[in-house]
Amino acid sequence: MSASPEPSLATIALIGAGRLGGVLAGALHHAGFAVQGPFGREDRIPASDIALLCVPDAEIPAAAAKARPHATLVGHVSGATNLDDVDFSIHPLQTFTGAEAPDVFHGIGAAVAGRTPEALRTATRLADALGAHPFTVDDVHRATYHAAASLASNLVLTVLDAAEQVALAAGIRDPRTLLAPLVARTVDNWTRDGAAVALTGPIARGDDATVQRQQDAVSAATPGLIPLFDQLCTSTRDLAATDRRAAADPGAATDRVAAA
């Protein structure tokens, strides 16, 4: 059950009317906060307990300066930007289209940080009220954390788009529908066992002849994808080698996790 907002945190002005701003406005209202906005960059900002910036990273300094006279605390929702211009941050670890229901935050992770203990408590209480699981990320590791999020979401889509292009070149109709169960099972296996254990296919088997046939086919059908395909194969060979080392030495997997 979501935590009830404290009276001192009851009024929130949302700055930024993009995908996340609209979804957050609905979810925070549903959680019991008095939400104002989301406001556009030219709108007048009303007095509030919190001004929460849902603007592009490059616009955070200007938006924070504009919001500062009207709010007790100013926060942003960026995963990669430090706290130089704000008091706290809360970054929902999820992808948004703008059409999500208010409960979209339930059960997801939310990276929180604050320049003071009070600011960190505010970020944590917001995450709790949304039904998310707050975890702390400091400024030193913020860009690294956000890179991990991009690898798990944005960059995965680049690989999936490449798969769709190659499937279309093979004459397969509606490839997303056909490939989606394969993608879902792969993600399930990774979630349960990790990448090295979940890895299957010709590279995992050491079947270099099949990989070469795949490379030749991709080169002929979609030559622009060859650099991506080759780099992925190289990285996957490294992953497969890690798995073989773990099989030969059961303690190696434990050592690898401990060193991560």
C-alpha atoms as a PDB file:
ATOM      1  CA  MET A   1       0.000   0.000   0.000  1.00  0.00           C
ATOM      2  CA  SER A   2       1.361   3.451  -0.903  1.00  0.00           C
ATOM      3  CA  ALA A   3       2.442   5.740   1.916  1.00  0.00           C
ATOM      4  CA  SER A   4       0.242   8.756   2.635  1.00  0.00           C
ATOM      5  CA  PRO A   5       1.849  12.113   1.828  1.00  0.00           C
ATOM      6  CA  GLU A   6       2.883  14.221   4.793  1.00  0.00           C
ATOM      7  CA  PRO A   7       1.201  17.635   5.070  1.00  0.00           C
ATOM      8  CA  SER A   8       4.532  19.408   4.502  1.00  0.00           C
ATOM      9  CA  LEU A   9       4.912  17.591   1.190  1.00  0.00           C
ATOM     10  CA  ALA A  10       1.347  17.912   0.005  1.00  0.00           C
ATOM     11  CA  THR A  11       1.711  20.437  -2.828  1.00  0.00           C
ATOM     12  CA  ILE A  12       3.773  19.548  -5.896  1.00  0.00           C
ATOM     13  CA  ALA A  13       4.255  21.624  -9.027  1.00  0.00           C
ATOM     14  CA  LEU A  14       5.209  19.492 -12.033  1.00  0.00           C
ATOM     15  CA  ILE A  15       7.393  21.342 -14.538  1.00  0.00           C
ATOM     16  CA  GLY A  16       7.538  19.723 -17.958  1.00  0.00           C
ATOM     17  CA  ALA A  17       4.590  18.411 -19.943  1.00  0.00           C
ATOM     18  CA  GLY A  18       6.342  15.528 -21.708  1.00  0.00           C
ATOM     19  CA  ARG A  19       5.707  11.809 -21.347  1.00  0.00           C
ATOM     20  CA  LEU A  20       6.936  11.395 -17.789  1.00  0.00           C
ATOM     21  CA  GLY A  21       5.522  14.696 -16.540  1.00  0.00           C
ATOM     22  CA  GLY A  22       1.980  13.745 -17.447  1.00  0.00           C
ATOM     23  CA  VAL A  23       2.260  10.221 -16.053  1.00  0.00           C
ATOM     24  CA  LEU A  24       3.824  11.472 -12.802  1.00  0.00           C
ATOM     25  CA  ALA A  25       1.146  14.125 -12.382  1.00  0.00           C
ATOM     26  CA  GLY A  26      -1.580  11.486 -12.523  1.00  0.00           C
ATOM     27  CA  ALA A  27       0.247   9.043 -10.264  1.00  0.00           C
ATOM     28  CA  LEU A  28       1.105  11.644  -7.599  1.00  0.00           C
ATOM     29  CA  HIS A  29      -2.461  12.922  -7.606  1.00  0.00           C
ATOM     30  CA  HIS A  30      -3.671   9.344  -7.215  1.00  0.00           C
ATOM     31  CA  ALA A  31      -1.242   8.942  -4.277  1.00  0.00           C
ATOM     32  CA  GLY A  32      -2.880  11.851  -2.467  1.00  0.00           C
ATOM     33  CA  PHE A  33      -0.727  14.848  -3.317  1.00  0.00           C
ATOM     34  CA  ALA A  34      -2.120  18.193  -4.441  1.00  0.00           C
ATOM     35  CA  VAL A  35      -0.558  18.340  -7.908  1.00  0.00           C
ATOM     36  CA  GLN A  36      -0.303  21.488  -9.979  1.00  0.00           C
ATOM     37  CA  GLY A  37       0.554  21.149 -13.636  1.00  0.00           C
ATOM     38  CA  PRO A  38       2.356  19.815 -15.508  1.00  0.00           C
ATOM     39  CA  PHE A  39       3.441  23.265 -16.669  1.00  0.00           C
ATOM     40  CA  GLY A  40       5.206  24.237 -19.869  1.00  0.00           C
ATOM     41  CA  ARG A  41       8.432  26.210 -19.973  1.00  0.00           C
ATOM     42  CA  GLU A  42       6.612  29.527 -20.491  1.00  0.00           C
ATOM     43  CA  ASP A  43       3.956  29.003 -17.814  1.00  0.00           C
ATOM     44  CA  ARG A  44       3.934  30.841 -14.496  1.00  0.00           C
ATOM     45  CA  ILE A  45       4.912  28.515 -11.661  1.00  0.00           C
ATOM     46  CA  PRO A  46       2.661  28.677  -8.553  1.00  0.00           C
ATOM     47  CA  ALA A  47       3.900  28.482  -4.972  1.00  0.00           C
ATOM     48  CA  SER A  48       4.359  24.878  -3.836  1.00  0.00           C
ATOM     49  CA  ASP A  49       6.134  22.682  -1.334  1.00  0.00           C
ATOM     50  CA  ILE A  50       7.982  20.857  -4.109  1.00  0.00           C
ATOM     51  CA  ALA A  51       8.794  21.775  -7.693  1.00  0.00           C
ATOM     52  CA  LEU A  52       9.575  18.583  -9.616  1.00  0.00           C
ATOM     53  CA  LEU A  53      11.361  19.120 -12.932  1.00  0.00           C
ATOM     54  CA  CYS A  54      10.451  16.706 -15.730  1.00  0.00           C
ATOM     55  CA  VAL A  55      12.411  18.527 -18.420  1.00  0.00           C
ATOM     56  CA  PRO A  56      15.297  17.465 -20.700  1.00  0.00           C
ATOM     57  CA  ASP A  57      18.634  17.312 -18.892  1.00  0.00           C
ATOM     58  CA  ALA A  58      20.032  20.360 -20.680  1.00  0.00           C
ATOM     59  CA  GLU A  59      17.085  22.465 -19.479  1.00  0.00           C
ATOM     60  CA  ILE A  60      17.412  21.572 -15.783  1.00  0.00           C
ATOM     61  CA  PRO A  61      19.589  24.564 -14.708  1.00  0.00           C
ATOM     62  CA  ALA A  62      17.252  27.151 -16.233  1.00  0.00           C
ATOM     63  CA  ALA A  63      14.106  25.362 -15.045  1.00  0.00           C
ATOM     64  CA  ALA A  64      15.505  25.031 -11.531  1.00  0.00           C
ATOM     65  CA  ALA A  65      16.396  28.706 -11.381  1.00  0.00           C
ATOM     66  CA  LYS A  66      12.890  29.641 -12.487  1.00  0.00           C
ATOM     67  CA  ALA A  67      11.239  27.289  -9.970  1.00  0.00           C
ATOM     68  CA  ARG A  68      13.467  28.062  -6.982  1.00  0.00           C
ATOM     69  CA  PRO A  69      11.660  31.243  -5.787  1.00  0.00           C
ATOM     70  CA  HIS A  70       8.321  29.415  -5.752  1.00  0.00           C
ATOM     71  CA  ALA A  71       9.133  26.138  -3.972  1.00  0.00           C
ATOM     72  CA  THR A  72      10.593  24.956  -0.693  1.00  0.00           C
ATOM     73  CA  LEU A  73      12.411  22.086  -2.416  1.00  0.00           C
ATOM     74  CA  VAL A  74      13.304  21.582  -6.070  1.00  0.00           C
ATOM     75  CA  GLY A  75      13.940  18.135  -7.545  1.00  0.00           C
ATOM     76  CA  HIS A  76      14.474  16.557 -10.940  1.00  0.00           C
ATOM     77  CA  VAL A  77      13.713  13.146 -12.450  1.00  0.00           C
ATOM     78  CA  SER A  78      16.914  12.791 -14.477  1.00  0.00           C
ATOM     79  CA  GLY A  79      18.952   9.641 -14.082  1.00  0.00           C
ATOM     80  CA  ALA A  80      22.232  11.090 -15.376  1.00  0.00           C
ATOM     81  CA  THR A  81      22.258  14.692 -14.096  1.00  0.00           C
ATOM     82  CA  ASN A  82      23.870  15.572 -10.761  1.00  0.00           C
ATOM     83  CA  LEU A  83      22.290  17.702  -8.038  1.00  0.00           C
ATOM     84  CA  ASP A  84      24.162  20.969  -8.643  1.00  0.00           C
ATOM     85  CA  ASP A  85      20.949  22.882  -9.441  1.00  0.00           C
ATOM     86  CA  VAL A  86      18.376  20.996  -7.351  1.00  0.00           C
ATOM     87  CA  ASP A  87      17.858  19.651  -3.843  1.00  0.00           C
ATOM     88  CA  PHE A  88      16.990  16.070  -4.724  1.00  0.00           C
ATOM     89  CA  SER A  89      16.306  13.659  -7.548  1.00  0.00           C
ATOM     90  CA  ILE A  90      14.006  10.722  -8.125  1.00  0.00           C
ATOM     91  CA  HIS A  91      14.525   8.672 -11.291  1.00  0.00           C
ATOM     92  CA  PRO A  92      11.910   5.981 -12.012  1.00  0.00           C
ATOM     93  CA  LEU A  93      13.713   2.989 -13.511  1.00  0.00           C
ATOM     94  CA  GLN A  94      11.164   2.402 -16.239  1.00  0.00           C
ATOM     95  CA  THR A  95      10.362   3.414 -19.805  1.00  0.00           C
ATOM     96  CA  PHE A  96       7.273   5.542 -20.460  1.00  0.00           C
ATOM     97  CA  THR A  97       5.110   6.284 -23.488  1.00  0.00           C
ATOM     98  CA  GLY A  98       2.909   8.848 -21.725  1.00  0.00           C
ATOM     99  CA  ALA A  99      -0.230   6.686 -21.742  1.00  0.00           C
ATOM    100  CA  GLU A 100       0.448   4.642 -18.583  1.00  0.00           C
ATOM    101  CA  ALA A 101      -2.010   4.206 -15.707  1.00  0.00           C
ATOM    102  CA  PRO A 102      -1.213   5.753 -12.294  1.00  0.00           C
ATOM    103  CA  ASP A 103      -0.096   2.370 -10.924  1.00  0.00           C
ATOM    104  CA  VAL A 104       2.756   2.099 -13.435  1.00  0.00           C
ATOM    105  CA  PHE A 105       5.250   2.952 -10.683  1.00  0.00           C
ATOM    106  CA  HIS A 106       4.146   0.109  -8.406  1.00  0.00           C
ATOM    107  CA  GLY A 107       6.975  -2.354  -7.875  1.00  0.00           C
ATOM    108  CA  ILE A 108       9.615  -0.632 -10.031  1.00  0.00           C
ATOM    109  CA  GLY A 109      12.931   0.730  -8.804  1.00  0.00           C
ATOM    110  CA  ALA A 110      13.445   4.459  -8.264  1.00  0.00           C
ATOM    111  CA  ALA A 111      16.927   5.931  -7.882  1.00  0.00           C
ATOM    112  CA  VAL A 112      16.897   8.666  -5.230  1.00  0.00           C
ATOM    113  CA  ALA A 113      19.450  11.206  -4.026  1.00  0.00           C
ATOM    114  CA  GLY A 114      19.451  14.378  -1.943  1.00  0.00           C
ATOM    115  CA  ARG A 115      21.869  17.156  -1.067  1.00  0.00           C
ATOM    116  CA  THR A 116      20.669  17.065   2.559  1.00  0.00           C
ATOM    117  CA  PRO A 117      19.075  14.367   4.722  1.00  0.00           C
ATOM    118  CA  GLU A 118      15.757  16.208   4.482  1.00  0.00           C
ATOM    119  CA  ALA A 119      15.951  16.315   0.684  1.00  0.00           C
ATOM    120  CA  LEU A 120      16.813  12.612   0.493  1.00  0.00           C
ATOM    121  CA  ARG A 121      13.868  11.804   2.777  1.00  0.00           C
ATOM    122  CA  THR A 122      11.614  13.787   0.462  1.00  0.00           C
ATOM    123  CA  ALA A 123      12.766  11.825  -2.597  1.00  0.00           C
ATOM    124  CA  THR A 124      12.358   8.546  -0.710  1.00  0.00           C
ATOM    125  CA  ARG A 125       8.844   9.451   0.486  1.00  0.00           C
ATOM    126  CA  LEU A 126       7.801  10.328  -3.052  1.00  0.00           C
ATOM    127  CA  ALA A 127       9.061   6.971  -4.304  1.00  0.00           C
ATOM    128  CA  ASP A 128       7.267   5.164  -1.472  1.00  0.00           C
ATOM    129  CA  ALA A 129       4.031   7.045  -2.150  1.00  0.00           C
ATOM    130  CA  LEU A 130       4.199   6.017  -5.811  1.00  0.00           C
ATOM    131  CA  GLY A 131       4.616   2.370  -4.800  1.00  0.00           C
ATOM    132  CA  ALA A 132       8.199   2.207  -6.119  1.00  0.00           C
ATOM    133  CA  HIS A 133      11.261   0.726  -4.412  1.00  0.00           C
ATOM    134  CA  PRO A 134      13.741   3.551  -3.676  1.00  0.00           C
ATOM    135  CA  PHE A 135      17.491   2.946  -3.844  1.00  0.00           C
ATOM    136  CA  THR A 136      20.260   5.529  -3.537  1.00  0.00           C
ATOM    137  CA  VAL A 137      22.679   6.577  -6.286  1.00  0.00           C
ATOM    138  CA  ASP A 138      25.237   9.284  -5.570  1.00  0.00           C
ATOM    139  CA  ASP A 139      26.566  11.854  -8.049  1.00  0.00           C
ATOM    140  CA  VAL A 140      29.835   9.957  -8.571  1.00  0.00           C
ATOM    141  CA  HIS A 141      27.983   6.934  -9.965  1.00  0.00           C
ATOM    142  CA  ARG A 142      25.025   8.676 -11.576  1.00  0.00           C
ATOM    143  CA  ALA A 143      26.221   8.513 -15.193  1.00  0.00           C
ATOM    144  CA  THR A 144      27.293   4.879 -14.763  1.00  0.00           C
ATOM    145  CA  TYR A 145      23.902   3.964 -13.323  1.00  0.00           C
ATOM    146  CA  HIS A 146      22.116   5.716 -16.176  1.00  0.00           C
ATOM    147  CA  ALA A 147      24.314   3.942 -18.731  1.00  0.00           C
ATOM    148  CA  ALA A 148      23.170   0.637 -17.236  1.00  0.00           C
ATOM    149  CA  ALA A 149      19.556   1.741 -17.633  1.00  0.00           C
ATOM    150  CA  SER A 150      20.181   2.742 -21.258  1.00  0.00           C
ATOM    151  CA  LEU A 151      21.830  -0.599 -22.012  1.00  0.00           C
ATOM    152  CA  ALA A 152      18.837  -2.423 -20.541  1.00  0.00           C
ATOM    153  CA  SER A 153      16.239  -0.383 -22.426  1.00  0.00           C
ATOM    154  CA  ASN A 154      17.232   2.036 -25.199  1.00  0.00           C
ATOM    155  CA  LEU A 155      20.136   0.043 -26.620  1.00  0.00           C
ATOM    156  CA  VAL A 156      18.231  -3.215 -26.442  1.00  0.00           C
ATOM    157  CA  LEU A 157      15.730  -1.634 -28.831  1.00  0.00           C
ATOM    158  CA  THR A 158      18.551  -1.045 -31.327  1.00  0.00           C
ATOM    159  CA  VAL A 159      19.314  -4.774 -31.267  1.00  0.00           C
ATOM    160  CA  LEU A 160      15.627  -5.672 -31.577  1.00  0.00           C
ATOM    161  CA  ASP A 161      15.214  -3.307 -34.516  1.00  0.00           C
ATOM    162  CA  ALA A 162      18.204  -4.962 -36.194  1.00  0.00           C
ATOM    163  CA  ALA A 163      16.579  -8.366 -35.658  1.00  0.00           C
ATOM    164  CA  GLU A 164      13.378  -7.058 -37.239  1.00  0.00           C
ATOM    165  CA  GLN A 165      15.249  -5.694 -40.257  1.00  0.00           C
ATOM    166  CA  VAL A 166      17.062  -8.990 -40.841  1.00  0.00           C
ATOM    167  CA  ALA A 167      13.833 -10.972 -40.439  1.00  0.00           C
ATOM    168  CA  LEU A 168      12.066  -8.758 -42.958  1.00  0.00           C
ATOM    169  CA  ALA A 169      14.963  -9.270 -45.356  1.00  0.00           C
ATOM    170  CA  ALA A 170      14.374 -13.009 -44.984  1.00  0.00           C
ATOM    171  CA  GLY A 171      10.761 -12.557 -46.120  1.00  0.00           C
ATOM    172  CA  ILE A 172       9.246 -13.057 -42.667  1.00  0.00           C
ATOM    173  CA  ARG A 173       5.993 -11.187 -42.244  1.00  0.00           C
ATOM    174  CA  ASP A 174       5.107  -9.545 -38.924  1.00  0.00           C
ATOM    175  CA  PRO A 175       8.494 -10.350 -37.338  1.00  0.00           C
ATOM    176  CA  ARG A 176       7.785  -8.537 -34.070  1.00  0.00           C
ATOM    177  CA  THR A 177       4.878 -10.849 -33.291  1.00  0.00           C
ATOM    178  CA  LEU A 178       6.987 -13.911 -34.069  1.00  0.00           C
ATOM    179  CA  LEU A 179      10.139 -12.753 -32.286  1.00  0.00           C
ATOM    180  CA  ALA A 180       8.413 -11.362 -29.183  1.00  0.00           C
ATOM    181  CA  PRO A 181       7.991 -14.749 -27.396  1.00  0.00           C
ATOM    182  CA  LEU A 182      11.689 -15.482 -28.010  1.00  0.00           C
ATOM    183  CA  VAL A 183      12.655 -12.101 -26.568  1.00  0.00           C
ATOM    184  CA  ALA A 184      10.354 -12.560 -23.564  1.00  0.00           C
ATOM    185  CA  ARG A 185      11.732 -16.026 -22.745  1.00  0.00           C
ATOM    186  CA  THR A 186      15.295 -14.756 -23.108  1.00  0.00           C
ATOM    187  CA  VAL A 187      14.606 -11.919 -20.658  1.00  0.00           C
ATOM    188  CA  ASP A 188      12.929 -14.357 -18.246  1.00  0.00           C
ATOM    189  CA  ASN A 189      15.970 -16.639 -18.373  1.00  0.00           C
ATOM    190  CA  TRP A 190      18.347 -13.698 -17.850  1.00  0.00           C
ATOM    191  CA  THR A 191      16.297 -12.475 -14.893  1.00  0.00           C
ATOM    192  CA  ARG A 192      16.407 -15.892 -13.265  1.00  0.00           C
ATOM    193  CA  ASP A 193      19.924 -17.087 -14.122  1.00  0.00           C
ATOM    194  CA  GLY A 194      22.032 -14.209 -15.510  1.00  0.00           C
ATOM    195  CA  ALA A 195      23.341 -13.775 -19.045  1.00  0.00           C
ATOM    196  CA  ALA A 196      26.149 -16.352 -19.027  1.00  0.00           C
ATOM    197  CA  VAL A 197      23.852 -19.205 -17.955  1.00  0.00           C
ATOM    198  CA  ALA A 198      20.940 -18.091 -20.160  1.00  0.00           C
ATOM    199  CA  LEU A 199      23.081 -17.856 -23.308  1.00  0.00           C
ATOM    200  CA  THR A 200      22.174 -20.321 -26.077  1.00  0.00           C
ATOM    201  CA  GLY A 201      22.763 -20.524 -29.820  1.00  0.00           C
ATOM    202  CA  PRO A 202      25.699 -21.140 -32.145  1.00  0.00           C
ATOM    203  CA  ILE A 203      28.209 -18.936 -30.313  1.00  0.00           C
ATOM    204  CA  ALA A 204      27.465 -20.671 -27.011  1.00  0.00           C
ATOM    205  CA  ARG A 205      27.965 -24.027 -28.790  1.00  0.00           C
ATOM    206  CA  GLY A 206      31.187 -22.908 -30.453  1.00  0.00           C
ATOM    207  CA  ASP A 207      29.616 -23.421 -33.906  1.00  0.00           C
ATOM    208  CA  ASP A 208      31.736 -20.918 -35.833  1.00  0.00           C
ATOM    209  CA  ALA A 209      30.581 -22.223 -39.229  1.00  0.00           C
ATOM    210  CA  THR A 210      26.954 -21.294 -38.489  1.00  0.00           C
ATOM    211  CA  VAL A 211      27.978 -17.874 -37.189  1.00  0.00           C
ATOM    212  CA  GLN A 212      29.914 -17.298 -40.431  1.00  0.00           C
ATOM    213  CA  ARG A 213      26.877 -18.231 -42.510  1.00  0.00           C
ATOM    214  CA  GLN A 214      24.820 -15.778 -40.473  1.00  0.00           C
ATOM    215  CA  GLN A 215      27.409 -13.060 -41.005  1.00  0.00           C
ATOM    216  CA  ASP A 216      27.444 -13.686 -44.769  1.00  0.00           C
ATOM    217  CA  ALA A 217      23.652 -13.531 -44.886  1.00  0.00           C
ATOM    218  CA  VAL A 218      23.469 -10.295 -42.898  1.00  0.00           C
ATOM    219  CA  SER A 219      26.199  -8.763 -45.077  1.00  0.00           C
ATOM    220  CA  ALA A 220      24.250  -9.594 -48.218  1.00  0.00           C
ATOM    221  CA  ALA A 221      20.790  -8.607 -46.964  1.00  0.00           C
ATOM    222  CA  THR A 222      21.446  -5.681 -44.608  1.00  0.00           C
ATOM    223  CA  PRO A 223      25.094  -4.617 -44.992  1.00  0.00           C
ATOM    224  CA  GLY A 224      24.621  -1.561 -42.776  1.00  0.00           C
ATOM    225  CA  LEU A 225      24.089  -3.872 -39.802  1.00  0.00           C
ATOM    226  CA  ILE A 226      27.401  -5.751 -40.150  1.00  0.00           C
ATOM    227  CA  PRO A 227      29.385  -3.542 -37.708  1.00  0.00           C
ATOM    228  CA  LEU A 228      26.702  -4.033 -35.052  1.00  0.00           C
ATOM    229  CA  PHE A 229      26.414  -7.772 -35.766  1.00  0.00           C
ATOM    230  CA  ASP A 230      30.175  -8.291 -35.610  1.00  0.00           C
ATOM    231  CA  GLN A 231      30.561  -6.342 -32.364  1.00  0.00           C
ATOM    232  CA  LEU A 232      27.701  -8.253 -30.773  1.00  0.00           C
ATOM    233  CA  CYS A 233      29.241 -11.565 -31.837  1.00  0.00           C
ATOM    234  CA  THR A 234      32.607 -10.546 -30.367  1.00  0.00           C
ATOM    235  CA  SER A 235      31.007  -9.550 -27.064  1.00  0.00           C
ATOM    236  CA  THR A 236      28.897 -12.712 -27.011  1.00  0.00           C
ATOM    237  CA  ARG A 237      32.013 -14.853 -27.499  1.00  0.00           C
ATOM    238  CA  ASP A 238      33.483 -13.152 -24.437  1.00  0.00           C
ATOM    239  CA  LEU A 239      30.285 -13.931 -22.521  1.00  0.00           C
ATOM    240  CA  ALA A 240      30.354 -17.566 -23.653  1.00  0.00           C
ATOM    241  CA  ALA A 241      33.984 -17.851 -22.571  1.00  0.00           C
ATOM    242  CA  THR A 242      33.008 -16.542 -19.141  1.00  0.00           C
ATOM    243  CA  ASP A 243      30.330 -19.232 -18.912  1.00  0.00           C
ATOM    244  CA  ARG A 244      32.812 -21.983 -19.892  1.00  0.00           C
ATOM    245  CA  ARG A 245      35.293 -20.769 -17.271  1.00  0.00           C
ATOM    246  CA  ALA A 246      32.531 -20.860 -14.651  1.00  0.00           C
ATOM    247  CA  ALA A 247      31.630 -24.429 -15.648  1.00  0.00           C
ATOM    248  CA  ALA A 248      35.253 -25.507 -15.345  1.00  0.00           C
ATOM    249  CA  ASP A 249      35.649 -23.708 -12.003  1.00  0.00           C
ATOM    250  CA  PRO A 250      32.351 -23.393 -10.055  1.00  0.00           C
ATOM    251  CA  GLY A 251      33.975 -20.825  -7.774  1.00  0.00           C
ATOM    252  CA  ALA A 252      34.632 -18.515 -10.736  1.00  0.00           C
ATOM    253  CA  ALA A 253      30.995 -17.443 -10.999  1.00  0.00           C
ATOM    254  CA  THR A 254      30.917 -16.517  -7.330  1.00  0.00           C
ATOM    255  CA  ASP A 255      34.164 -14.579  -7.684  1.00  0.00           C
ATOM    256  CA  ARG A 256      32.767 -12.719 -10.693  1.00  0.00           C
ATOM    257  CA  VAL A 257      29.634 -11.657  -8.800  1.00  0.00           C
ATOM    258  CA  ALA A 258      31.675 -10.582  -5.787  1.00  0.00           C
ATOM    259  CA  ALA A 259      33.931  -8.452  -7.992  1.00  0.00           C
ATOM    260  CA  ALA A 260      31.038  -6.744  -9.798  1.00  0.00           C
END
